[in-house]
Protein backbone atom coordinates (compact mmCIF):
# COMPACT_ATOMS: atom_id res chain seq x y z
CA ARG A 1 -3.02 -17.78 8.59
CA PRO A 2 -1.68 -20.15 5.99
CA ASP A 3 -3.40 -18.51 2.99
CA VAL A 4 -2.94 -14.86 3.93
CA ARG A 5 -0.74 -14.10 0.89
CA ARG A 6 -3.32 -15.55 -1.49
CA SER A 7 -6.13 -13.58 0.17
CA ALA A 8 -4.05 -10.39 0.11
CA ALA A 9 -3.21 -10.95 -3.56
CA ALA A 10 -6.90 -11.28 -4.43
CA ASP A 11 -7.70 -8.12 -2.44
CA ALA A 12 -4.81 -6.26 -4.10
CA ALA A 13 -6.07 -7.24 -7.56
CA LEU A 14 -9.54 -5.91 -6.73
CA LEU A 15 -8.09 -2.71 -5.29
CA LYS A 16 -6.01 -2.13 -8.44
CA LEU A 17 -9.03 -2.75 -10.64
CA LEU A 18 -11.05 -0.26 -8.61
CA ALA A 19 -8.24 2.30 -8.72
CA ARG A 20 -7.99 2.03 -12.51
CA GLY A 21 -11.74 2.51 -12.80
CA ILE A 22 -11.79 5.55 -10.53
CA ALA A 23 -8.72 7.04 -12.24
CA GLY A 24 -10.59 6.93 -15.55
CA LEU A 25 -13.63 8.82 -14.26
CA GLN A 26 -14.15 12.34 -15.50
CA VAL A 27 -16.53 15.10 -14.47
CA PRO A 28 -17.54 18.34 -16.16
CA GLY A 29 -15.03 21.12 -15.48
CA PHE A 30 -17.54 23.33 -13.68
CA LEU A 31 -17.95 20.69 -10.95
CA VAL A 32 -14.28 21.02 -9.99
CA GLY A 33 -14.07 24.80 -10.27
CA ARG A 34 -12.87 24.94 -13.87
CA SER A 35 -15.82 26.30 -15.79
CA GLY A 36 -15.23 26.73 -19.48
CA GLU A 37 -12.88 23.76 -19.61
CA GLY A 38 -13.75 20.30 -20.82
CA PRO A 39 -14.08 17.20 -18.66
CA GLN A 40 -11.62 16.89 -15.79
CA ALA A 41 -10.33 13.82 -14.01
CA LEU A 42 -12.35 13.11 -10.87
CA VAL A 43 -9.12 12.30 -9.02
CA ARG A 44 -6.01 14.21 -10.04
CA ALA A 45 -3.61 12.20 -7.89
CA ASP A 46 -1.84 9.08 -9.17
CA LEU A 47 -4.38 6.73 -7.63
CA VAL A 48 -3.09 3.62 -9.41
CA GLY A 49 0.48 4.42 -8.33
CA ALA A 50 -0.62 4.91 -4.74
CA VAL A 51 -2.43 1.56 -4.72
CA ASP A 52 0.60 -0.15 -6.27
CA GLU A 53 2.84 1.33 -3.58
CA PHE A 54 0.44 0.31 -0.82
CA CYS A 55 0.27 -3.26 -2.13
CA ALA A 56 4.06 -3.48 -2.45
CA ARG A 57 4.49 -2.41 1.20
CA LEU A 58 1.74 -4.82 2.28
CA PHE A 59 3.51 -7.78 0.69
CA GLU A 60 6.79 -6.69 2.29
CA GLU A 61 5.05 -6.86 5.67
CA LEU A 62 3.73 -10.34 4.84
CA ASP A 63 7.26 -11.59 4.21
CA TYR A 64 7.68 -13.02 7.70
CA ALA A 65 11.27 -14.18 7.14
CA ARG A 66 12.23 -10.61 6.18
CA GLU A 67 10.37 -9.22 9.19
CA ALA A 68 12.16 -11.67 11.52
CA ASN A 69 15.48 -10.57 10.03
CA ASN A 70 14.55 -6.92 10.60
CA ILE A 71 13.68 -7.64 14.25
CA GLU A 72 16.98 -9.42 14.81
CA ARG A 73 18.86 -6.57 13.13
CA PHE A 74 17.01 -3.97 15.20
CA THR A 75 17.76 -5.93 18.39
CA ALA A 76 21.45 -6.16 17.49
CA LEU A 77 21.61 -2.41 16.88
CA TYR A 78 19.52 -1.12 19.78
CA ALA A 79 19.14 -3.77 22.52
CA GLU A 80 22.18 -2.69 24.51
CA GLY A 81 21.49 -0.66 27.62
CA GLY A 82 18.46 -2.38 29.09
CA VAL A 83 16.11 -2.73 26.14
CA PHE A 84 15.35 -6.38 25.45
CA ALA A 85 13.37 -8.14 22.74
CA SER A 86 12.11 -11.68 22.80
CA GLU A 87 13.77 -14.22 20.54
CA ILE A 88 12.36 -15.00 17.11
CA PRO A 89 11.31 -18.66 16.85
């Protein structure tokens, strides 16, 4: 697909926006087992960081030149002994 990076970038931007919104949500403490305490974050994990990491790995996978290099490197390291990989065009 010729525009896959652009589509993925748009999806990543939406995902990051959603993650920021969810990360900012709070609920009363009693709903998360902390009665007597004030509002608590709905999600206590680093949601924005997780989305950033996911998007970074996604764009690494979309770097086809890098992936071709990885395949060639893997083949050079492990192809001996009967395991063969097709050539990269």
